[in-house]
Amino acid sequence: MRYALQRILQFLIVFFLVTFGVMVLLRVGLDKPGDPARTMLGGAPSQQQIDDTTARYHLDSNYFVQYWYWLTAMLQGDFGFSVQNSLPVRTLIENRIMTTVLLGVYAVTFGLLIAVPVAVYQAYRRDRAFDKVSSGMSFLVVSVPEIVIAVFLSFLFVVTLGWFPRIGEKVYPWDDPVEHFRNFFLPSLVLVLPLAAVTARILRADMSLTLQSDFVSLARAKGMSPRRILWRHALPNSLFSLLTVIGFQLGAIIGGAVVAEAYFDLDGMGSLLVVAAFGSDLFTVQAIVALLVITVVFANLIIDLLYSVIDPRIRVARSLA
């Protein structure tokens, strides 16, 4: 119970600091500081429109009061109104969130499917040709920004080979699996490659140390097959690193989604965030940031709980805390 309360308190602190900080920065960065209503309305609004918007969202109050009204409204499902799009922010998010969720699921799933076998075999064949080539390729991918990866993939698969469309369409797998694959493959690959490279490098290092452990030497002495040693003994003892890197990479996946969606013109949360930020669409930016914070913190909470599943000693230690 104490551990759960600590995690909830940490979430509340992180949520407040990030969302409040974003709200303040958005207000400070306005073209006309102290007049967020005029920026939200855009164009040449009348004084009556400015006064109505200011009163509706309490924009003439201090930052803490504005934050309080925004937070209480958000908890009731009202994320504010996007004047830029003439739609409630909630409607904008509902129309786009599935695209980003699918990209994130594909990134984690296929990133792990690539990284885990590669890292395991690298550790098993350490300092051999496969290990050196794979390490060099992963280092190259980690060093290259997502936008460069997107441009390279577009040039190779769109311009040169013509296999995929340049502009992605929001086609879901339950509507048309083939068209969904064609439109989501390249944006997903922009996220998959960096995640797989980072995960493989860290897991490979952990697996290399695990394979030097005494229990692995004992298993070899007993005549256990290398496959069983790698997958039944060494890999489970390296899962802490695997889970940790996934938690750390969630922010990178979100950042990569912004690049992938914007470059391939997919209507997702990332591209919406970019457009809203450049257009000073205050409530849209605040709502998206709040959802991202909730997603990252919740995912890391799940990872913390998985630590207890992997190692019962952690569960016992937490119960005694």
C-alpha atoms as a PDB file:
ATOM      1  CA  MET A   1       0.000   0.000   0.000  1.00  0.00           C
ATOM      2  CA  ARG A   2       2.783   2.412   0.869  1.00  0.00           C
ATOM      3  CA  TYR A   3       4.512   1.733  -2.455  1.00  0.00           C
ATOM      4  CA  ALA A   4       1.282   2.328  -4.355  1.00  0.00           C
ATOM      5  CA  LEU A   5       0.717   5.629  -2.556  1.00  0.00           C
ATOM      6  CA  GLN A   6       4.275   6.721  -3.341  1.00  0.00           C
ATOM      7  CA  ARG A   7       3.782   5.975  -7.027  1.00  0.00           C
ATOM      8  CA  ILE A   8       0.476   7.875  -7.088  1.00  0.00           C
ATOM      9  CA  LEU A   9       2.116  10.848  -5.398  1.00  0.00           C
ATOM     10  CA  GLN A  10       4.979  10.779  -7.889  1.00  0.00           C
ATOM     11  CA  PHE A  11       2.489  10.692 -10.757  1.00  0.00           C
ATOM     12  CA  LEU A  12       0.580  13.692  -9.392  1.00  0.00           C
ATOM     13  CA  ILE A  13       3.790  15.683  -8.944  1.00  0.00           C
ATOM     14  CA  VAL A  14       5.069  14.879 -12.455  1.00  0.00           C
ATOM     15  CA  PHE A  15       1.665  15.579 -13.991  1.00  0.00           C
ATOM     16  CA  PHE A  16       1.383  18.958 -12.270  1.00  0.00           C
ATOM     17  CA  LEU A  17       4.929  20.070 -13.051  1.00  0.00           C
ATOM     18  CA  VAL A  18       4.754  19.148 -16.725  1.00  0.00           C
ATOM     19  CA  THR A  19       1.231  20.365 -17.526  1.00  0.00           C
ATOM     20  CA  PHE A  20       1.526  23.542 -15.464  1.00  0.00           C
ATOM     21  CA  GLY A  21       4.961  24.263 -16.920  1.00  0.00           C
ATOM     22  CA  VAL A  22       3.635  23.818 -20.471  1.00  0.00           C
ATOM     23  CA  MET A  23       0.719  26.147 -19.741  1.00  0.00           C
ATOM     24  CA  VAL A  24       3.030  28.861 -18.403  1.00  0.00           C
ATOM     25  CA  LEU A  25       5.478  28.516 -21.287  1.00  0.00           C
ATOM     26  CA  LEU A  26       2.671  28.761 -23.811  1.00  0.00           C
ATOM     27  CA  ARG A  27       1.421  31.943 -22.170  1.00  0.00           C
ATOM     28  CA  VAL A  28       4.899  33.461 -21.902  1.00  0.00           C
ATOM     29  CA  GLY A  29       5.707  32.632 -25.518  1.00  0.00           C
ATOM     30  CA  LEU A  30       2.695  34.481 -26.943  1.00  0.00           C
ATOM     31  CA  ASP A  31       3.167  37.195 -29.513  1.00  0.00           C
ATOM     32  CA  LYS A  32       1.238  39.485 -27.194  1.00  0.00           C
ATOM     33  CA  PRO A  33       2.010  38.407 -23.631  1.00  0.00           C
ATOM     34  CA  GLY A  34      -0.914  38.696 -21.246  1.00  0.00           C
ATOM     35  CA  ASP A  35      -3.483  38.412 -24.056  1.00  0.00           C
ATOM     36  CA  PRO A  36      -3.964  34.665 -24.709  1.00  0.00           C
ATOM     37  CA  ALA A  37      -7.546  35.158 -25.904  1.00  0.00           C
ATOM     38  CA  ARG A  38      -6.431  37.224 -28.886  1.00  0.00           C
ATOM     39  CA  THR A  39      -3.849  34.603 -29.829  1.00  0.00           C
ATOM     40  CA  MET A  40      -6.356  31.761 -29.445  1.00  0.00           C
ATOM     41  CA  LEU A  41      -8.922  33.486 -31.669  1.00  0.00           C
ATOM     42  CA  GLY A  42      -6.402  34.481 -34.337  1.00  0.00           C
ATOM     43  CA  GLY A  43      -7.028  36.922 -37.129  1.00  0.00           C
ATOM     44  CA  ALA A  44      -8.677  40.188 -36.059  1.00  0.00           C
ATOM     45  CA  PRO A  45     -11.267  39.285 -33.420  1.00  0.00           C
ATOM     46  CA  SER A  46     -13.622  41.863 -32.002  1.00  0.00           C
ATOM     47  CA  GLN A  47     -13.247  43.089 -28.465  1.00  0.00           C
ATOM     48  CA  GLN A  48     -16.473  41.318 -27.552  1.00  0.00           C
ATOM     49  CA  GLN A  49     -15.069  37.975 -28.760  1.00  0.00           C
ATOM     50  CA  ILE A  50     -11.891  38.565 -26.786  1.00  0.00           C
ATOM     51  CA  ASP A  51     -13.850  39.413 -23.640  1.00  0.00           C
ATOM     52  CA  ASP A  52     -16.117  36.354 -24.018  1.00  0.00           C
ATOM     53  CA  THR A  53     -13.179  33.991 -24.512  1.00  0.00           C
ATOM     54  CA  THR A  54     -11.306  35.537 -21.588  1.00  0.00           C
ATOM     55  CA  ALA A  55     -14.293  35.146 -19.290  1.00  0.00           C
ATOM     56  CA  ARG A  56     -15.097  31.607 -20.464  1.00  0.00           C
ATOM     57  CA  TYR A  57     -11.618  30.267 -19.751  1.00  0.00           C
ATOM     58  CA  HIS A  58     -10.667  32.679 -16.909  1.00  0.00           C
ATOM     59  CA  LEU A  59      -7.714  33.932 -18.917  1.00  0.00           C
ATOM     60  CA  ASP A  60      -7.577  37.159 -16.929  1.00  0.00           C
ATOM     61  CA  SER A  61      -6.773  35.242 -13.720  1.00  0.00           C
ATOM     62  CA  ASN A  62      -3.357  34.196 -12.478  1.00  0.00           C
ATOM     63  CA  TYR A  63      -1.762  31.005 -13.775  1.00  0.00           C
ATOM     64  CA  PHE A  64      -2.823  28.857 -10.834  1.00  0.00           C
ATOM     65  CA  VAL A  65      -6.470  29.822 -11.211  1.00  0.00           C
ATOM     66  CA  GLN A  66      -6.339  29.192 -14.972  1.00  0.00           C
ATOM     67  CA  TYR A  67      -4.737  25.821 -14.346  1.00  0.00           C
ATOM     68  CA  TRP A  68      -7.354  24.880 -11.772  1.00  0.00           C
ATOM     69  CA  TYR A  69     -10.276  25.617 -14.105  1.00  0.00           C
ATOM     70  CA  TRP A  70      -8.562  23.811 -16.968  1.00  0.00           C
ATOM     71  CA  LEU A  71      -7.818  20.745 -14.812  1.00  0.00           C
ATOM     72  CA  THR A  72     -11.333  20.473 -13.355  1.00  0.00           C
ATOM     73  CA  ALA A  73     -12.840  20.791 -16.835  1.00  0.00           C
ATOM     74  CA  MET A  74     -10.466  18.158 -18.224  1.00  0.00           C
ATOM     75  CA  LEU A  75     -11.387  15.705 -15.475  1.00  0.00           C
ATOM     76  CA  GLN A  76     -14.999  16.108 -16.607  1.00  0.00           C
ATOM     77  CA  GLY A  77     -14.068  15.340 -20.210  1.00  0.00           C
ATOM     78  CA  ASP A  78     -13.914  18.939 -21.442  1.00  0.00           C
ATOM     79  CA  PHE A  79     -10.468  19.549 -22.947  1.00  0.00           C
ATOM     80  CA  GLY A  80     -11.338  23.020 -24.160  1.00  0.00           C
ATOM     81  CA  PHE A  81     -12.095  24.405 -27.601  1.00  0.00           C
ATOM     82  CA  SER A  82      -9.734  24.660 -30.557  1.00  0.00           C
ATOM     83  CA  VAL A  83     -10.507  27.973 -32.211  1.00  0.00           C
ATOM     84  CA  GLN A  84      -7.936  27.165 -34.880  1.00  0.00           C
ATOM     85  CA  ASN A  85      -9.936  24.105 -35.993  1.00  0.00           C
ATOM     86  CA  SER A  86     -13.387  25.290 -34.845  1.00  0.00           C
ATOM     87  CA  LEU A  87     -13.827  22.018 -32.981  1.00  0.00           C
ATOM     88  CA  PRO A  88     -13.699  20.832 -29.366  1.00  0.00           C
ATOM     89  CA  VAL A  89     -10.238  19.547 -28.517  1.00  0.00           C
ATOM     90  CA  ARG A  90     -11.759  16.246 -27.420  1.00  0.00           C
ATOM     91  CA  THR A  91     -13.153  15.706 -30.933  1.00  0.00           C
ATOM     92  CA  LEU A  92      -9.761  16.437 -32.494  1.00  0.00           C
ATOM     93  CA  ILE A  93      -8.058  13.922 -30.209  1.00  0.00           C
ATOM     94  CA  GLU A  94     -10.675  11.210 -30.728  1.00  0.00           C
ATOM     95  CA  ASN A  95     -10.223  11.486 -34.491  1.00  0.00           C
ATOM     96  CA  ARG A  96      -6.449  11.099 -34.309  1.00  0.00           C
ATOM     97  CA  ILE A  97      -5.472   9.099 -31.232  1.00  0.00           C
ATOM     98  CA  MET A  98      -5.861   5.647 -32.824  1.00  0.00           C
ATOM     99  CA  THR A  99      -3.226   6.475 -35.457  1.00  0.00           C
ATOM    100  CA  THR A 100      -0.619   7.275 -32.806  1.00  0.00           C
ATOM    101  CA  VAL A 101      -1.608   4.280 -30.675  1.00  0.00           C
ATOM    102  CA  LEU A 102      -1.116   1.937 -33.634  1.00  0.00           C
ATOM    103  CA  LEU A 103       2.277   3.464 -34.443  1.00  0.00           C
ATOM    104  CA  GLY A 104       3.359   3.060 -30.814  1.00  0.00           C
ATOM    105  CA  VAL A 105       2.172  -0.558 -30.630  1.00  0.00           C
ATOM    106  CA  TYR A 106       3.955  -1.408 -33.875  1.00  0.00           C
ATOM    107  CA  ALA A 107       7.138   0.311 -32.686  1.00  0.00           C
ATOM    108  CA  VAL A 108       7.307  -1.622 -29.396  1.00  0.00           C
ATOM    109  CA  THR A 109       6.174  -4.964 -30.840  1.00  0.00           C
ATOM    110  CA  PHE A 110       8.383  -5.120 -33.904  1.00  0.00           C
ATOM    111  CA  GLY A 111      11.243  -3.318 -32.195  1.00  0.00           C
ATOM    112  CA  LEU A 112      11.392  -6.115 -29.618  1.00  0.00           C
ATOM    113  CA  LEU A 113      10.919  -8.836 -32.226  1.00  0.00           C
ATOM    114  CA  ILE A 114      14.015  -7.510 -33.988  1.00  0.00           C
ATOM    115  CA  ALA A 115      16.132  -6.503 -30.998  1.00  0.00           C
ATOM    116  CA  VAL A 116      15.790  -9.543 -28.731  1.00  0.00           C
ATOM    117  CA  PRO A 117      16.951 -12.288 -31.162  1.00  0.00           C
ATOM    118  CA  VAL A 118      19.718 -10.047 -32.505  1.00  0.00           C
ATOM    119  CA  ALA A 119      20.982  -9.157 -29.012  1.00  0.00           C
ATOM    120  CA  VAL A 120      20.846 -12.761 -27.810  1.00  0.00           C
ATOM    121  CA  TYR A 121      22.817 -14.006 -30.799  1.00  0.00           C
ATOM    122  CA  GLN A 122      25.265 -11.092 -30.489  1.00  0.00           C
ATOM    123  CA  ALA A 123      25.964 -12.012 -26.868  1.00  0.00           C
ATOM    124  CA  TYR A 124      26.358 -15.670 -27.815  1.00  0.00           C
ATOM    125  CA  ARG A 125      28.745 -14.827 -30.677  1.00  0.00           C
ATOM    126  CA  ARG A 126      30.442 -11.939 -28.919  1.00  0.00           C
ATOM    127  CA  ASP A 127      33.315 -10.284 -30.806  1.00  0.00           C
ATOM    128  CA  ARG A 128      32.590 -12.414 -33.869  1.00  0.00           C
ATOM    129  CA  ALA A 129      31.653 -11.079 -37.300  1.00  0.00           C
ATOM    130  CA  PHE A 130      27.889 -10.990 -36.649  1.00  0.00           C
ATOM    131  CA  ASP A 131      28.389  -9.137 -33.374  1.00  0.00           C
ATOM    132  CA  LYS A 132      30.675  -6.528 -34.914  1.00  0.00           C
ATOM    133  CA  VAL A 133      28.465  -5.910 -37.948  1.00  0.00           C
ATOM    134  CA  SER A 134      25.278  -5.719 -35.862  1.00  0.00           C
ATOM    135  CA  SER A 135      26.904  -3.394 -33.329  1.00  0.00           C
ATOM    136  CA  GLY A 136      28.085  -1.097 -36.110  1.00  0.00           C
ATOM    137  CA  MET A 137      24.654  -0.988 -37.719  1.00  0.00           C
ATOM    138  CA  SER A 138      22.884  -0.318 -34.422  1.00  0.00           C
ATOM    139  CA  PHE A 139      25.360   2.451 -33.611  1.00  0.00           C
ATOM    140  CA  LEU A 140      24.673   3.984 -37.024  1.00  0.00           C
ATOM    141  CA  VAL A 141      20.900   3.885 -36.550  1.00  0.00           C
ATOM    142  CA  VAL A 142      21.125   5.346 -33.039  1.00  0.00           C
ATOM    143  CA  SER A 143      23.291   8.195 -34.333  1.00  0.00           C
ATOM    144  CA  VAL A 144      20.930   9.192 -37.146  1.00  0.00           C
ATOM    145  CA  PRO A 145      17.938  11.469 -36.339  1.00  0.00           C
ATOM    146  CA  GLU A 146      14.449  10.180 -37.123  1.00  0.00           C
ATOM    147  CA  ILE A 147      13.885  12.798 -39.796  1.00  0.00           C
ATOM    148  CA  VAL A 148      16.951  11.551 -41.699  1.00  0.00           C
ATOM    149  CA  ILE A 149      15.683   7.970 -41.411  1.00  0.00           C
ATOM    150  CA  ALA A 150      12.298   9.100 -42.740  1.00  0.00           C
ATOM    151  CA  VAL A 151      13.896  10.851 -45.725  1.00  0.00           C
ATOM    152  CA  PHE A 152      16.094   7.828 -46.511  1.00  0.00           C
ATOM    153  CA  LEU A 153      13.188   5.362 -46.289  1.00  0.00           C
ATOM    154  CA  SER A 154      11.040   7.618 -48.441  1.00  0.00           C
ATOM    155  CA  PHE A 155      13.765   7.912 -51.071  1.00  0.00           C
ATOM    156  CA  LEU A 156      14.408   4.143 -51.101  1.00  0.00           C
ATOM    157  CA  PHE A 157      10.893   2.702 -50.905  1.00  0.00           C
ATOM    158  CA  VAL A 158       8.809   5.518 -52.417  1.00  0.00           C
ATOM    159  CA  VAL A 159      10.942   7.334 -54.957  1.00  0.00           C
ATOM    160  CA  THR A 160      13.276   4.531 -56.096  1.00  0.00           C
ATOM    161  CA  LEU A 161      11.243   1.342 -55.688  1.00  0.00           C
ATOM    162  CA  GLY A 162       7.721   2.787 -55.662  1.00  0.00           C
ATOM    163  CA  TRP A 163       6.458   0.200 -53.179  1.00  0.00           C
ATOM    164  CA  PHE A 164       4.714   2.564 -50.778  1.00  0.00           C
ATOM    165  CA  PRO A 165       2.838   5.874 -51.064  1.00  0.00           C
ATOM    166  CA  ARG A 166       4.563   9.125 -50.070  1.00  0.00           C
ATOM    167  CA  ILE A 167       1.466  10.466 -48.330  1.00  0.00           C
ATOM    168  CA  GLY A 168      -0.016   8.162 -45.712  1.00  0.00           C
ATOM    169  CA  GLU A 169      -3.769   7.714 -45.327  1.00  0.00           C
ATOM    170  CA  LYS A 170      -5.536   6.895 -42.114  1.00  0.00           C
ATOM    171  CA  VAL A 171      -6.642   3.383 -43.081  1.00  0.00           C
ATOM    172  CA  TYR A 172      -7.110   1.045 -40.124  1.00  0.00           C
ATOM    173  CA  PRO A 173      -6.324  -2.693 -40.233  1.00  0.00           C
ATOM    174  CA  TRP A 174      -9.944  -3.691 -39.654  1.00  0.00           C
ATOM    175  CA  ASP A 175     -10.994  -1.668 -42.718  1.00  0.00           C
ATOM    176  CA  ASP A 176      -8.368  -2.742 -45.268  1.00  0.00           C
ATOM    177  CA  PRO A 177      -5.315  -4.682 -43.974  1.00  0.00           C
ATOM    178  CA  VAL A 178      -3.352  -4.345 -47.234  1.00  0.00           C
ATOM    179  CA  GLU A 179      -3.804  -0.575 -47.564  1.00  0.00           C
ATOM    180  CA  HIS A 180      -3.178  -0.185 -43.851  1.00  0.00           C
ATOM    181  CA  PHE A 181       0.161  -1.952 -44.253  1.00  0.00           C
ATOM    182  CA  ARG A 182       1.097   0.198 -47.243  1.00  0.00           C
ATOM    183  CA  ASN A 183       0.313   3.442 -45.427  1.00  0.00           C
ATOM    184  CA  PHE A 184       1.674   2.600 -41.978  1.00  0.00           C
ATOM    185  CA  PHE A 185       4.773   0.569 -42.828  1.00  0.00           C
ATOM    186  CA  LEU A 186       7.235   3.419 -43.417  1.00  0.00           C
ATOM    187  CA  PRO A 187       6.045   5.632 -40.512  1.00  0.00           C
ATOM    188  CA  SER A 188       6.232   2.605 -38.213  1.00  0.00           C
ATOM    189  CA  LEU A 189       9.710   1.722 -39.478  1.00  0.00           C
ATOM    190  CA  VAL A 190      10.906   5.220 -38.556  1.00  0.00           C
ATOM    191  CA  LEU A 191      10.037   4.339 -34.936  1.00  0.00           C
ATOM    192  CA  VAL A 192      11.019   0.668 -35.025  1.00  0.00           C
ATOM    193  CA  LEU A 193      14.622   1.076 -36.173  1.00  0.00           C
ATOM    194  CA  PRO A 194      15.872   3.425 -33.385  1.00  0.00           C
ATOM    195  CA  LEU A 195      14.024   1.467 -30.697  1.00  0.00           C
ATOM    196  CA  ALA A 196      15.407  -1.850 -31.938  1.00  0.00           C
ATOM    197  CA  ALA A 197      18.950  -0.448 -32.154  1.00  0.00           C
ATOM    198  CA  VAL A 198      18.962   0.984 -28.612  1.00  0.00           C
ATOM    199  CA  THR A 199      17.296  -2.094 -27.128  1.00  0.00           C
ATOM    200  CA  ALA A 200      19.684  -4.485 -28.873  1.00  0.00           C
ATOM    201  CA  ARG A 201      22.765  -2.601 -27.684  1.00  0.00           C
ATOM    202  CA  ILE A 202      21.684  -2.546 -24.037  1.00  0.00           C
ATOM    203  CA  LEU A 203      20.365  -6.111 -23.989  1.00  0.00           C
ATOM    204  CA  ARG A 204      23.503  -7.378 -25.701  1.00  0.00           C
ATOM    205  CA  ALA A 205      25.697  -5.814 -22.993  1.00  0.00           C
ATOM    206  CA  ASP A 206      23.559  -7.272 -20.201  1.00  0.00           C
ATOM    207  CA  MET A 207      23.413 -10.701 -21.829  1.00  0.00           C
ATOM    208  CA  SER A 208      27.201 -10.744 -22.270  1.00  0.00           C
ATOM    209  CA  LEU A 209      27.644 -10.238 -18.506  1.00  0.00           C
ATOM    210  CA  THR A 210      24.968 -12.806 -17.697  1.00  0.00           C
ATOM    211  CA  LEU A 211      26.667 -15.439 -19.847  1.00  0.00           C
ATOM    212  CA  GLN A 212      29.777 -15.047 -17.681  1.00  0.00           C
ATOM    213  CA  SER A 213      27.848 -15.823 -14.486  1.00  0.00           C
ATOM    214  CA  ASP A 214      28.510 -18.895 -12.372  1.00  0.00           C
ATOM    215  CA  PHE A 215      25.069 -20.413 -12.940  1.00  0.00           C
ATOM    216  CA  VAL A 216      25.636 -20.307 -16.706  1.00  0.00           C
ATOM    217  CA  SER A 217      29.012 -21.998 -16.301  1.00  0.00           C
ATOM    218  CA  LEU A 218      27.339 -24.664 -14.176  1.00  0.00           C
ATOM    219  CA  ALA A 219      24.646 -25.195 -16.817  1.00  0.00           C
ATOM    220  CA  ARG A 220      27.313 -25.641 -19.478  1.00  0.00           C
ATOM    221  CA  ALA A 221      29.198 -28.097 -17.284  1.00  0.00           C
ATOM    222  CA  LYS A 222      26.011 -30.140 -16.905  1.00  0.00           C
ATOM    223  CA  GLY A 223      25.780 -30.435 -20.678  1.00  0.00           C
ATOM    224  CA  MET A 224      22.832 -28.132 -21.218  1.00  0.00           C
ATOM    225  CA  SER A 225      22.318 -27.044 -24.821  1.00  0.00           C
ATOM    226  CA  PRO A 226      23.332 -23.480 -25.781  1.00  0.00           C
ATOM    227  CA  ARG A 227      19.771 -22.689 -26.905  1.00  0.00           C
ATOM    228  CA  ARG A 228      18.333 -23.651 -23.535  1.00  0.00           C
ATOM    229  CA  ILE A 229      21.024 -21.681 -21.702  1.00  0.00           C
ATOM    230  CA  LEU A 230      20.361 -18.569 -23.777  1.00  0.00           C
ATOM    231  CA  TRP A 231      16.569 -18.539 -23.779  1.00  0.00           C
ATOM    232  CA  ARG A 232      15.637 -20.277 -20.521  1.00  0.00           C
ATOM    233  CA  HIS A 233      18.365 -18.992 -18.205  1.00  0.00           C
ATOM    234  CA  ALA A 234      20.354 -16.045 -19.558  1.00  0.00           C
ATOM    235  CA  LEU A 235      17.551 -14.017 -21.163  1.00  0.00           C
ATOM    236  CA  PRO A 236      15.159 -14.059 -18.158  1.00  0.00           C
ATOM    237  CA  ASN A 237      17.985 -12.749 -15.975  1.00  0.00           C
ATOM    238  CA  SER A 238      18.490  -9.860 -18.407  1.00  0.00           C
ATOM    239  CA  LEU A 239      14.849  -8.795 -18.585  1.00  0.00           C
ATOM    240  CA  PHE A 240      15.404  -5.956 -16.099  1.00  0.00           C
ATOM    241  CA  SER A 241      17.484  -4.129 -18.676  1.00  0.00           C
ATOM    242  CA  LEU A 242      14.946  -4.886 -21.386  1.00  0.00           C
ATOM    243  CA  LEU A 243      12.032  -3.471 -19.400  1.00  0.00           C
ATOM    244  CA  THR A 244      14.043  -0.457 -18.284  1.00  0.00           C
ATOM    245  CA  VAL A 245      15.047   0.516 -21.802  1.00  0.00           C
ATOM    246  CA  ILE A 246      11.426   0.214 -22.967  1.00  0.00           C
ATOM    247  CA  GLY A 247      10.357   2.610 -20.218  1.00  0.00           C
ATOM    248  CA  PHE A 248      13.066   5.078 -21.132  1.00  0.00           C
ATOM    249  CA  GLN A 249      12.304   4.837 -24.845  1.00  0.00           C
ATOM    250  CA  LEU A 250       8.617   5.749 -24.532  1.00  0.00           C
ATOM    251  CA  GLY A 251       9.499   9.417 -24.734  1.00  0.00           C
ATOM    252  CA  ALA A 252      11.647   8.751 -27.793  1.00  0.00           C
ATOM    253  CA  ILE A 253       8.768   6.872 -29.424  1.00  0.00           C
ATOM    254  CA  ILE A 254       6.515   9.872 -28.868  1.00  0.00           C
ATOM    255  CA  GLY A 255       9.129  12.185 -30.331  1.00  0.00           C
ATOM    256  CA  GLY A 256       9.583   9.864 -33.286  1.00  0.00           C
ATOM    257  CA  ALA A 257       5.812   9.745 -33.821  1.00  0.00           C
ATOM    258  CA  VAL A 258       5.827  13.523 -34.195  1.00  0.00           C
ATOM    259  CA  VAL A 259       8.427  13.250 -36.973  1.00  0.00           C
ATOM    260  CA  ALA A 260       6.847  10.235 -38.697  1.00  0.00           C
ATOM    261  CA  GLU A 261       3.327  11.616 -38.710  1.00  0.00           C
ATOM    262  CA  ALA A 262       4.402  15.053 -39.862  1.00  0.00           C
ATOM    263  CA  TYR A 263       6.678  13.754 -42.635  1.00  0.00           C
ATOM    264  CA  PHE A 264       4.264  11.141 -43.990  1.00  0.00           C
ATOM    265  CA  ASP A 265       1.196  13.331 -43.435  1.00  0.00           C
ATOM    266  CA  LEU A 266      -0.556  10.904 -41.129  1.00  0.00           C
ATOM    267  CA  ASP A 267      -3.290  12.502 -39.053  1.00  0.00           C
ATOM    268  CA  GLY A 268      -2.122  11.510 -35.584  1.00  0.00           C
ATOM    269  CA  MET A 269      -1.478  13.093 -32.218  1.00  0.00           C
ATOM    270  CA  GLY A 270       2.104  13.972 -33.108  1.00  0.00           C
ATOM    271  CA  SER A 271       1.251  15.987 -36.199  1.00  0.00           C
ATOM    272  CA  LEU A 272      -1.644  17.599 -34.320  1.00  0.00           C
ATOM    273  CA  LEU A 273       0.731  18.660 -31.556  1.00  0.00           C
ATOM    274  CA  VAL A 274       3.130  20.275 -34.037  1.00  0.00           C
ATOM    275  CA  VAL A 275       0.370  22.196 -35.824  1.00  0.00           C
ATOM    276  CA  ALA A 276      -1.200  23.267 -32.528  1.00  0.00           C
ATOM    277  CA  ALA A 277       2.124  24.460 -31.116  1.00  0.00           C
ATOM    278  CA  PHE A 278       2.937  26.564 -34.185  1.00  0.00           C
ATOM    279  CA  GLY A 279      -0.596  27.921 -34.257  1.00  0.00           C
ATOM    280  CA  SER A 280      -0.639  28.779 -30.525  1.00  0.00           C
ATOM    281  CA  ASP A 281      -3.640  26.481 -30.072  1.00  0.00           C
ATOM    282  CA  LEU A 282      -3.234  26.545 -26.307  1.00  0.00           C
ATOM    283  CA  PHE A 283      -5.830  24.060 -25.126  1.00  0.00           C
ATOM    284  CA  THR A 284      -4.956  21.495 -27.790  1.00  0.00           C
ATOM    285  CA  VAL A 285      -1.300  21.537 -26.751  1.00  0.00           C
ATOM    286  CA  GLN A 286      -2.191  21.298 -23.046  1.00  0.00           C
ATOM    287  CA  ALA A 287      -4.571  18.374 -23.617  1.00  0.00           C
ATOM    288  CA  ILE A 288      -2.110  16.386 -25.740  1.00  0.00           C
ATOM    289  CA  VAL A 289       0.736  16.955 -23.273  1.00  0.00           C
ATOM    290  CA  ALA A 290      -1.501  15.823 -20.411  1.00  0.00           C
ATOM    291  CA  LEU A 291      -2.406  12.605 -22.238  1.00  0.00           C
ATOM    292  CA  LEU A 292       1.238  11.921 -23.072  1.00  0.00           C
ATOM    293  CA  VAL A 293       2.261  12.380 -19.442  1.00  0.00           C
ATOM    294  CA  ILE A 294      -0.472  10.008 -18.293  1.00  0.00           C
ATOM    295  CA  THR A 295       0.572   7.424 -20.894  1.00  0.00           C
ATOM    296  CA  VAL A 296       4.285   7.525 -20.051  1.00  0.00           C
ATOM    297  CA  VAL A 297       3.759   7.462 -16.274  1.00  0.00           C
ATOM    298  CA  PHE A 298       1.191   4.655 -16.470  1.00  0.00           C
ATOM    299  CA  ALA A 299       3.434   2.583 -18.737  1.00  0.00           C
ATOM    300  CA  ASN A 300       6.355   2.991 -16.338  1.00  0.00           C
ATOM    301  CA  LEU A 301       4.090   1.953 -13.460  1.00  0.00           C
ATOM    302  CA  ILE A 302       3.266  -1.250 -15.353  1.00  0.00           C
ATOM    303  CA  ILE A 303       6.977  -1.829 -15.883  1.00  0.00           C
ATOM    304  CA  ASP A 304       7.627  -1.398 -12.148  1.00  0.00           C
ATOM    305  CA  LEU A 305       4.964  -3.999 -11.420  1.00  0.00           C
ATOM    306  CA  LEU A 306       6.548  -6.361 -13.940  1.00  0.00           C
ATOM    307  CA  TYR A 307       9.815  -6.082 -12.006  1.00  0.00           C
ATOM    308  CA  SER A 308       8.043  -7.777  -9.109  1.00  0.00           C
ATOM    309  CA  VAL A 309       6.791 -10.537 -11.385  1.00  0.00           C
ATOM    310  CA  ILE A 310      10.272 -11.222 -12.745  1.00  0.00           C
ATOM    311  CA  ASP A 311      12.023 -11.173  -9.368  1.00  0.00           C
ATOM    312  CA  PRO A 312       9.963 -12.170  -6.287  1.00  0.00           C
ATOM    313  CA  ARG A 313      12.634 -10.577  -4.058  1.00  0.00           C
ATOM    314  CA  ILE A 314      11.459  -7.153  -5.179  1.00  0.00           C
ATOM    315  CA  ARG A 315       7.865  -8.035  -4.283  1.00  0.00           C
ATOM    316  CA  VAL A 316       8.948  -9.144  -0.822  1.00  0.00           C
ATOM    317  CA  ALA A 317      11.069  -6.013  -0.286  1.00  0.00           C
ATOM    318  CA  ARG A 318       8.152  -3.752  -1.264  1.00  0.00           C
ATOM    319  CA  SER A 319       5.775  -5.587   1.065  1.00  0.00           C
ATOM    320  CA  LEU A 320       8.180  -4.943   3.953  1.00  0.00           C
ATOM    321  CA  ALA A 321       8.667  -1.255   3.086  1.00  0.00           C
END
